[in-house]
Amino acid sequence: MNTKIVETENVTVSFDGFKALNHLTFSMDVGELRVVIGPNGAGKTTFLDVITGKVQPTEGRVLFKGKNTKKLAEHQIARLGIGRKFQTPRVYLNLTPRENLEITCNRRKDVFSSLFSSSSKDEKHKVIGLLETIGLSAKADIAAGLLSHGEKQRLEIGMLVGQSPDLLLVDEPVAGLTDEETYHIGELLLALAQSHSILVIEHDMEFVRQIARQVTVLHEGSVLCEGTIEEVQNDPRVIEVYLGQQ
């Protein structure tokens, strides 16, 4: 059995001659929580785009659970077990948190049937459990548009988990959040890491310190270094290209 959940082998992505990713080789174990950091322009978003199939590599290949995803469409890669959360929350604002979760947990994946037919007993239990996990049980039946920004972020993470992916890709989940909201997101991701493989892209170094087990630093489309947060913070190359810019 392949112990790697995702791997990139010598991946290059060129846009009009500019190399957003430059011979990027990366791997992450099943069950791992990995944080990827790097300055603006390091290739972090393109990295996620390549994993999900939104962007095809100019060179190299991406493996998910040992399977080459090159010939697969974006939706086919998602069905293999990859869920992605973008920086801006993507929730149905006119629906309640409960309804948002019912839609994503519904095995028929149909908005109409989710809203106008009864959920199975298992689906109802799953939604109740997710509401507890993301800390929104008390606000389960108000419009999602009334939630704070941090609560919307937690709701979308819950919606992502509701799809039962093997790998969660989470892009800058604490951008624009208060310190308290940031802490809650960190605790949620740490709890989910007990049963999921999670890859987080982040800029907020205090948040990285809260959740990081292993950190990968990208610079100019390549891996600059990897290690614990302490190892990364003390690496002279990182201080020069990233932390020294703070």
C-alpha atoms as a PDB file:
ATOM      1  CA  MET A   1       0.000   0.000   0.000  1.00  0.00           C
ATOM      2  CA  ASN A   2       1.268   3.461  -0.926  1.00  0.00           C
ATOM      3  CA  THR A   3       1.802   5.491   2.257  1.00  0.00           C
ATOM      4  CA  LYS A   4       1.899   8.753   0.275  1.00  0.00           C
ATOM      5  CA  ILE A   5      -1.420  10.551  -0.155  1.00  0.00           C
ATOM      6  CA  VAL A   6      -0.096  13.009  -2.757  1.00  0.00           C
ATOM      7  CA  GLU A   7       3.175  13.397  -4.653  1.00  0.00           C
ATOM      8  CA  THR A   8       4.468  15.745  -7.320  1.00  0.00           C
ATOM      9  CA  GLU A   9       7.425  14.594  -9.372  1.00  0.00           C
ATOM     10  CA  ASN A  10       9.521  17.235 -11.112  1.00  0.00           C
ATOM     11  CA  VAL A  11       6.426  19.340 -11.854  1.00  0.00           C
ATOM     12  CA  THR A  12       6.862  22.479 -13.930  1.00  0.00           C
ATOM     13  CA  VAL A  13       4.040  24.848 -14.886  1.00  0.00           C
ATOM     14  CA  SER A  14       4.831  27.604 -17.369  1.00  0.00           C
ATOM     15  CA  PHE A  15       2.605  30.568 -18.201  1.00  0.00           C
ATOM     16  CA  ASP A  16       3.936  32.439 -21.250  1.00  0.00           C
ATOM     17  CA  GLY A  17       7.482  31.539 -20.307  1.00  0.00           C
ATOM     18  CA  PHE A  18       7.090  32.307 -16.601  1.00  0.00           C
ATOM     19  CA  LYS A  19       7.585  29.213 -14.445  1.00  0.00           C
ATOM     20  CA  ALA A  20       4.962  29.323 -11.688  1.00  0.00           C
ATOM     21  CA  LEU A  21       6.243  25.903 -10.602  1.00  0.00           C
ATOM     22  CA  ASN A  22       9.804  24.917 -11.385  1.00  0.00           C
ATOM     23  CA  HIS A  23      10.683  21.198 -11.146  1.00  0.00           C
ATOM     24  CA  LEU A  24       8.653  20.907  -7.935  1.00  0.00           C
ATOM     25  CA  THR A  25       9.077  17.590  -6.138  1.00  0.00           C
ATOM     26  CA  PHE A  26       6.897  17.139  -3.055  1.00  0.00           C
ATOM     27  CA  SER A  27       5.309  14.299  -1.104  1.00  0.00           C
ATOM     28  CA  MET A  28       3.013  13.990   1.875  1.00  0.00           C
ATOM     29  CA  ASP A  29       2.080  10.940   3.937  1.00  0.00           C
ATOM     30  CA  VAL A  30      -1.395   9.563   4.498  1.00  0.00           C
ATOM     31  CA  GLY A  31      -2.779  11.037   7.734  1.00  0.00           C
ATOM     32  CA  GLU A  32      -0.370  13.961   7.737  1.00  0.00           C
ATOM     33  CA  LEU A  33      -1.107  17.625   8.474  1.00  0.00           C
ATOM     34  CA  ARG A  34       1.246  19.663   6.300  1.00  0.00           C
ATOM     35  CA  VAL A  35       1.531  23.450   6.115  1.00  0.00           C
ATOM     36  CA  VAL A  36       2.952  25.100   3.001  1.00  0.00           C
ATOM     37  CA  ILE A  37       4.290  28.639   3.309  1.00  0.00           C
ATOM     38  CA  GLY A  38       6.191  31.000   1.042  1.00  0.00           C
ATOM     39  CA  PRO A  39       6.253  34.624  -0.131  1.00  0.00           C
ATOM     40  CA  ASN A  40       3.819  35.988  -2.696  1.00  0.00           C
ATOM     41  CA  GLY A  41       4.594  34.514  -6.099  1.00  0.00           C
ATOM     42  CA  ALA A  42       6.135  31.359  -4.639  1.00  0.00           C
ATOM     43  CA  GLY A  43       3.646  29.164  -6.514  1.00  0.00           C
ATOM     44  CA  LYS A  44       1.397  28.099  -3.627  1.00  0.00           C
ATOM     45  CA  THR A  45      -1.962  28.520  -5.405  1.00  0.00           C
ATOM     46  CA  THR A  46      -0.629  26.983  -8.631  1.00  0.00           C
ATOM     47  CA  PHE A  47       0.556  24.062  -6.507  1.00  0.00           C
ATOM     48  CA  LEU A  48      -3.028  23.438  -5.358  1.00  0.00           C
ATOM     49  CA  ASP A  49      -4.326  23.994  -8.904  1.00  0.00           C
ATOM     50  CA  VAL A  50      -2.016  21.223 -10.171  1.00  0.00           C
ATOM     51  CA  ILE A  51      -3.057  18.776  -7.443  1.00  0.00           C
ATOM     52  CA  THR A  52      -6.764  19.315  -8.206  1.00  0.00           C
ATOM     53  CA  GLY A  53      -6.343  19.222 -11.983  1.00  0.00           C
ATOM     54  CA  LYS A  54      -7.370  22.830 -12.545  1.00  0.00           C
ATOM     55  CA  VAL A  55      -3.941  23.357 -14.162  1.00  0.00           C
ATOM     56  CA  GLN A  56      -2.030  20.707 -16.077  1.00  0.00           C
ATOM     57  CA  PRO A  57       1.757  20.463 -15.588  1.00  0.00           C
ATOM     58  CA  THR A  58       3.963  21.500 -18.494  1.00  0.00           C
ATOM     59  CA  GLU A  59       6.376  18.818 -17.270  1.00  0.00           C
ATOM     60  CA  GLY A  60       6.325  16.158 -14.555  1.00  0.00           C
ATOM     61  CA  ARG A  61       3.400  14.363 -12.977  1.00  0.00           C
ATOM     62  CA  VAL A  62       1.088  14.348  -9.966  1.00  0.00           C
ATOM     63  CA  LEU A  63       0.222  11.165  -8.085  1.00  0.00           C
ATOM     64  CA  PHE A  64      -2.747  10.853  -5.757  1.00  0.00           C
ATOM     65  CA  LYS A  65      -2.718   7.668  -3.681  1.00  0.00           C
ATOM     66  CA  GLY A  66      -0.173   6.367  -6.180  1.00  0.00           C
ATOM     67  CA  LYS A  67      -2.384   7.075  -9.232  1.00  0.00           C
ATOM     68  CA  ASN A  68      -1.177   9.367 -12.007  1.00  0.00           C
ATOM     69  CA  THR A  69      -3.883  12.032 -12.433  1.00  0.00           C
ATOM     70  CA  LYS A  70      -2.594  13.464 -15.724  1.00  0.00           C
ATOM     71  CA  LYS A  71      -5.431  12.202 -17.953  1.00  0.00           C
ATOM     72  CA  LEU A  72      -8.199  12.936 -15.463  1.00  0.00           C
ATOM     73  CA  ALA A  73     -10.550  15.914 -15.516  1.00  0.00           C
ATOM     74  CA  GLU A  74     -10.900  18.157 -12.463  1.00  0.00           C
ATOM     75  CA  HIS A  75     -14.193  16.568 -11.342  1.00  0.00           C
ATOM     76  CA  GLN A  76     -12.737  13.067 -11.744  1.00  0.00           C
ATOM     77  CA  ILE A  77      -9.799  13.977  -9.507  1.00  0.00           C
ATOM     78  CA  ALA A  78     -12.217  15.377  -6.912  1.00  0.00           C
ATOM     79  CA  ARG A  79     -14.127  12.091  -6.929  1.00  0.00           C
ATOM     80  CA  LEU A  80     -10.916  10.205  -6.179  1.00  0.00           C
ATOM     81  CA  GLY A  81     -11.022  11.892  -2.771  1.00  0.00           C
ATOM     82  CA  ILE A  82      -9.660  15.440  -2.932  1.00  0.00           C
ATOM     83  CA  GLY A  83     -11.602  18.342  -1.428  1.00  0.00           C
ATOM     84  CA  ARG A  84     -10.478  21.967  -1.750  1.00  0.00           C
ATOM     85  CA  LYS A  85     -11.397  24.986   0.313  1.00  0.00           C
ATOM     86  CA  PHE A  86     -10.659  28.322  -1.322  1.00  0.00           C
ATOM     87  CA  GLN A  87      -9.656  31.448   0.590  1.00  0.00           C
ATOM     88  CA  THR A  88     -13.077  33.111   0.257  1.00  0.00           C
ATOM     89  CA  PRO A  89     -15.896  31.061   1.845  1.00  0.00           C
ATOM     90  CA  ARG A  90     -18.209  29.449  -0.703  1.00  0.00           C
ATOM     91  CA  VAL A  91     -21.412  28.739   1.176  1.00  0.00           C
ATOM     92  CA  TYR A  92     -25.096  29.151   0.315  1.00  0.00           C
ATOM     93  CA  LEU A  93     -25.823  32.372   2.215  1.00  0.00           C
ATOM     94  CA  ASN A  94     -29.623  32.063   2.038  1.00  0.00           C
ATOM     95  CA  LEU A  95     -29.572  28.554   3.477  1.00  0.00           C
ATOM     96  CA  THR A  96     -28.898  27.563   7.063  1.00  0.00           C
ATOM     97  CA  PRO A  97     -25.681  25.826   8.146  1.00  0.00           C
ATOM     98  CA  ARG A  98     -27.715  22.636   8.543  1.00  0.00           C
ATOM     99  CA  GLU A  99     -29.031  22.898   4.972  1.00  0.00           C
ATOM    100  CA  ASN A 100     -25.566  23.702   3.617  1.00  0.00           C
ATOM    101  CA  LEU A 101     -24.222  20.562   5.254  1.00  0.00           C
ATOM    102  CA  GLU A 102     -27.193  18.443   4.127  1.00  0.00           C
ATOM    103  CA  ILE A 103     -26.459  19.361   0.517  1.00  0.00           C
ATOM    104  CA  THR A 104     -22.808  18.329   0.725  1.00  0.00           C
ATOM    105  CA  CYS A 105     -23.505  15.189   2.756  1.00  0.00           C
ATOM    106  CA  ASN A 106     -26.336  14.016   0.480  1.00  0.00           C
ATOM    107  CA  ARG A 107     -25.017  11.016  -1.421  1.00  0.00           C
ATOM    108  CA  ARG A 108     -27.189  11.997  -4.412  1.00  0.00           C
ATOM    109  CA  LYS A 109     -25.258  15.316  -4.636  1.00  0.00           C
ATOM    110  CA  ASP A 110     -28.430  17.037  -5.791  1.00  0.00           C
ATOM    111  CA  VAL A 111     -29.433  20.425  -4.324  1.00  0.00           C
ATOM    112  CA  PHE A 112     -33.147  19.980  -5.088  1.00  0.00           C
ATOM    113  CA  SER A 113     -33.423  16.537  -3.530  1.00  0.00           C
ATOM    114  CA  SER A 114     -31.366  17.659  -0.530  1.00  0.00           C
ATOM    115  CA  LEU A 115     -33.770  20.512   0.229  1.00  0.00           C
ATOM    116  CA  PHE A 116     -37.114  18.933  -0.628  1.00  0.00           C
ATOM    117  CA  SER A 117     -36.744  15.301   0.372  1.00  0.00           C
ATOM    118  CA  SER A 118     -35.968  13.874   3.769  1.00  0.00           C
ATOM    119  CA  SER A 119     -32.404  12.889   4.586  1.00  0.00           C
ATOM    120  CA  SER A 120     -31.590   9.376   5.681  1.00  0.00           C
ATOM    121  CA  LYS A 121     -31.006   8.670   9.354  1.00  0.00           C
ATOM    122  CA  ASP A 122     -27.274   8.272   8.733  1.00  0.00           C
ATOM    123  CA  GLU A 123     -27.096  11.593   6.872  1.00  0.00           C
ATOM    124  CA  LYS A 124     -28.931  13.392   9.695  1.00  0.00           C
ATOM    125  CA  HIS A 125     -26.502  11.971  12.256  1.00  0.00           C
ATOM    126  CA  LYS A 126     -23.578  12.985  10.057  1.00  0.00           C
ATOM    127  CA  VAL A 127     -24.867  16.560   9.793  1.00  0.00           C
ATOM    128  CA  ILE A 128     -25.444  16.793  13.555  1.00  0.00           C
ATOM    129  CA  GLY A 129     -21.919  15.506  14.155  1.00  0.00           C
ATOM    130  CA  LEU A 130     -20.437  18.012  11.702  1.00  0.00           C
ATOM    131  CA  LEU A 131     -22.331  20.905  13.307  1.00  0.00           C
ATOM    132  CA  GLU A 132     -20.820  19.907  16.653  1.00  0.00           C
ATOM    133  CA  THR A 133     -17.338  19.520  15.155  1.00  0.00           C
ATOM    134  CA  ILE A 134     -17.368  22.983  13.554  1.00  0.00           C
ATOM    135  CA  GLY A 135     -18.987  24.588  16.616  1.00  0.00           C
ATOM    136  CA  LEU A 136     -22.184  25.752  14.903  1.00  0.00           C
ATOM    137  CA  SER A 137     -24.850  23.637  16.605  1.00  0.00           C
ATOM    138  CA  ALA A 138     -26.355  26.732  18.264  1.00  0.00           C
ATOM    139  CA  LYS A 139     -26.586  28.510  14.904  1.00  0.00           C
ATOM    140  CA  ALA A 140     -27.610  25.513  12.831  1.00  0.00           C
ATOM    141  CA  ASP A 141     -30.921  26.991  11.704  1.00  0.00           C
ATOM    142  CA  ILE A 142     -30.193  30.649  10.974  1.00  0.00           C
ATOM    143  CA  ALA A 143     -29.261  31.920   7.532  1.00  0.00           C
ATOM    144  CA  ALA A 144     -25.571  31.357   6.798  1.00  0.00           C
ATOM    145  CA  GLY A 145     -25.391  34.963   5.613  1.00  0.00           C
ATOM    146  CA  LEU A 146     -25.770  36.028   9.260  1.00  0.00           C
ATOM    147  CA  LEU A 147     -22.674  34.135  10.373  1.00  0.00           C
ATOM    148  CA  SER A 148     -19.380  35.910  11.068  1.00  0.00           C
ATOM    149  CA  HIS A 149     -16.553  35.522   8.569  1.00  0.00           C
ATOM    150  CA  GLY A 150     -14.838  33.005  10.837  1.00  0.00           C
ATOM    151  CA  GLU A 151     -18.038  30.993  11.248  1.00  0.00           C
ATOM    152  CA  LYS A 152     -18.494  30.897   7.472  1.00  0.00           C
ATOM    153  CA  GLN A 153     -14.944  29.579   7.172  1.00  0.00           C
ATOM    154  CA  ARG A 154     -15.730  26.835   9.679  1.00  0.00           C
ATOM    155  CA  LEU A 155     -18.976  26.028   7.867  1.00  0.00           C
ATOM    156  CA  GLU A 156     -17.182  25.626   4.556  1.00  0.00           C
ATOM    157  CA  ILE A 157     -14.592  23.368   6.174  1.00  0.00           C
ATOM    158  CA  GLY A 158     -17.504  21.313   7.518  1.00  0.00           C
ATOM    159  CA  MET A 159     -19.029  21.180   4.022  1.00  0.00           C
ATOM    160  CA  LEU A 160     -15.703  19.962   2.700  1.00  0.00           C
ATOM    161  CA  VAL A 161     -15.506  17.220   5.336  1.00  0.00           C
ATOM    162  CA  GLY A 162     -19.104  16.272   4.516  1.00  0.00           C
ATOM    163  CA  GLN A 163     -17.938  15.162   1.067  1.00  0.00           C
ATOM    164  CA  SER A 164     -15.730  12.541   2.788  1.00  0.00           C
ATOM    165  CA  PRO A 165     -12.488  13.367   0.951  1.00  0.00           C
ATOM    166  CA  ASP A 166      -9.237  11.588   1.781  1.00  0.00           C
ATOM    167  CA  LEU A 167      -7.240  14.804   1.327  1.00  0.00           C
ATOM    168  CA  LEU A 168      -8.341  18.285   2.402  1.00  0.00           C
ATOM    169  CA  LEU A 169      -6.674  21.222   0.642  1.00  0.00           C
ATOM    170  CA  VAL A 170      -7.220  24.394   2.678  1.00  0.00           C
ATOM    171  CA  ASP A 171      -6.134  27.730   1.190  1.00  0.00           C
ATOM    172  CA  GLU A 172      -5.398  30.541   3.700  1.00  0.00           C
ATOM    173  CA  PRO A 173      -8.304  29.747   6.064  1.00  0.00           C
ATOM    174  CA  VAL A 174      -7.570  32.546   8.571  1.00  0.00           C
ATOM    175  CA  ALA A 175      -7.144  35.531   6.227  1.00  0.00           C
ATOM    176  CA  GLY A 176      -9.066  38.463   7.698  1.00  0.00           C
ATOM    177  CA  LEU A 177      -9.996  36.691  10.935  1.00  0.00           C
ATOM    178  CA  THR A 178      -9.663  37.928  14.505  1.00  0.00           C
ATOM    179  CA  ASP A 179      -7.172  36.233  16.835  1.00  0.00           C
ATOM    180  CA  GLU A 180     -10.004  34.316  18.516  1.00  0.00           C
ATOM    181  CA  GLU A 181     -11.487  33.140  15.203  1.00  0.00           C
ATOM    182  CA  THR A 182      -8.006  32.155  14.005  1.00  0.00           C
ATOM    183  CA  TYR A 183      -7.504  30.037  17.118  1.00  0.00           C
ATOM    184  CA  HIS A 184     -10.851  28.270  16.580  1.00  0.00           C
ATOM    185  CA  ILE A 185      -9.952  27.434  12.967  1.00  0.00           C
ATOM    186  CA  GLY A 186      -6.622  26.037  14.163  1.00  0.00           C
ATOM    187  CA  GLU A 187      -8.278  23.835  16.774  1.00  0.00           C
ATOM    188  CA  LEU A 188     -10.786  22.608  14.171  1.00  0.00           C
ATOM    189  CA  LEU A 189      -8.027  21.622  11.740  1.00  0.00           C
ATOM    190  CA  LEU A 190      -6.070  19.879  14.496  1.00  0.00           C
ATOM    191  CA  ALA A 191      -9.195  17.900  15.407  1.00  0.00           C
ATOM    192  CA  LEU A 192      -9.856  16.960  11.772  1.00  0.00           C
ATOM    193  CA  ALA A 193      -6.214  15.908  11.369  1.00  0.00           C
ATOM    194  CA  GLN A 194      -6.957  12.967  13.659  1.00  0.00           C
ATOM    195  CA  SER A 195      -8.863  11.345  10.774  1.00  0.00           C
ATOM    196  CA  HIS A 196      -7.870  13.208   7.588  1.00  0.00           C
ATOM    197  CA  SER A 197      -4.832  14.123   5.526  1.00  0.00           C
ATOM    198  CA  ILE A 198      -4.721  17.937   5.396  1.00  0.00           C
ATOM    199  CA  LEU A 199      -2.590  20.333   3.368  1.00  0.00           C
ATOM    200  CA  VAL A 200      -2.840  23.975   4.447  1.00  0.00           C
ATOM    201  CA  ILE A 201      -1.537  27.024   2.569  1.00  0.00           C
ATOM    202  CA  GLU A 202      -0.985  29.914   4.981  1.00  0.00           C
ATOM    203  CA  HIS A 203       0.735  33.274   5.540  1.00  0.00           C
ATOM    204  CA  ASP A 204      -0.118  33.871   9.215  1.00  0.00           C
ATOM    205  CA  MET A 205       2.942  32.610  11.077  1.00  0.00           C
ATOM    206  CA  GLU A 206       1.269  32.563  14.498  1.00  0.00           C
ATOM    207  CA  PHE A 207      -1.381  30.279  13.027  1.00  0.00           C
ATOM    208  CA  VAL A 208       1.313  28.122  11.414  1.00  0.00           C
ATOM    209  CA  ARG A 209       2.972  27.737  14.833  1.00  0.00           C
ATOM    210  CA  GLN A 210      -0.386  26.670  16.288  1.00  0.00           C
ATOM    211  CA  ILE A 211      -1.082  23.842  13.846  1.00  0.00           C
ATOM    212  CA  ALA A 212       2.150  22.910  12.070  1.00  0.00           C
ATOM    213  CA  ARG A 213       3.710  19.499  12.408  1.00  0.00           C
ATOM    214  CA  GLN A 214       5.708  19.629   9.208  1.00  0.00           C
ATOM    215  CA  VAL A 215       6.267  22.779   7.139  1.00  0.00           C
ATOM    216  CA  THR A 216       7.229  23.044   3.459  1.00  0.00           C
ATOM    217  CA  VAL A 217       8.590  26.363   2.201  1.00  0.00           C
ATOM    218  CA  LEU A 218       8.079  27.200  -1.469  1.00  0.00           C
ATOM    219  CA  HIS A 219      10.185  29.814  -3.257  1.00  0.00           C
ATOM    220  CA  GLU A 220      10.081  30.636  -6.963  1.00  0.00           C
ATOM    221  CA  GLY A 221       8.050  27.507  -7.690  1.00  0.00           C
ATOM    222  CA  SER A 222      10.343  25.021  -5.948  1.00  0.00           C
ATOM    223  CA  VAL A 223      10.716  23.521  -2.473  1.00  0.00           C
ATOM    224  CA  LEU A 224      13.233  25.658  -0.585  1.00  0.00           C
ATOM    225  CA  CYS A 225      13.259  23.561   2.582  1.00  0.00           C
ATOM    226  CA  GLU A 226      11.121  21.356   4.830  1.00  0.00           C
ATOM    227  CA  GLY A 227      11.062  20.608   8.525  1.00  0.00           C
ATOM    228  CA  THR A 228       9.441  21.514  11.820  1.00  0.00           C
ATOM    229  CA  ILE A 229       8.419  25.132  12.339  1.00  0.00           C
ATOM    230  CA  GLU A 230      11.516  25.638  14.497  1.00  0.00           C
ATOM    231  CA  GLU A 231      13.810  24.208  11.839  1.00  0.00           C
ATOM    232  CA  VAL A 232      12.217  26.294   9.109  1.00  0.00           C
ATOM    233  CA  GLN A 233      12.279  29.519  11.137  1.00  0.00           C
ATOM    234  CA  ASN A 234      15.975  29.085  11.837  1.00  0.00           C
ATOM    235  CA  ASP A 235      16.959  28.246   8.255  1.00  0.00           C
ATOM    236  CA  PRO A 236      19.001  31.175   6.854  1.00  0.00           C
ATOM    237  CA  ARG A 237      17.445  30.726   3.399  1.00  0.00           C
ATOM    238  CA  VAL A 238      13.938  31.088   4.805  1.00  0.00           C
ATOM    239  CA  ILE A 239      14.893  34.117   6.872  1.00  0.00           C
ATOM    240  CA  GLU A 240      16.260  35.723   3.729  1.00  0.00           C
ATOM    241  CA  VAL A 241      13.418  35.001   1.282  1.00  0.00           C
ATOM    242  CA  TYR A 242      10.346  34.894   3.520  1.00  0.00           C
ATOM    243  CA  LEU A 243      10.435  35.554   7.240  1.00  0.00           C
ATOM    244  CA  GLY A 244      12.837  38.440   6.777  1.00  0.00           C
ATOM    245  CA  GLN A 245      10.164  40.203   4.711  1.00  0.00           C
ATOM    246  CA  GLN A 246       7.713  40.328   7.594  1.00  0.00           C
END
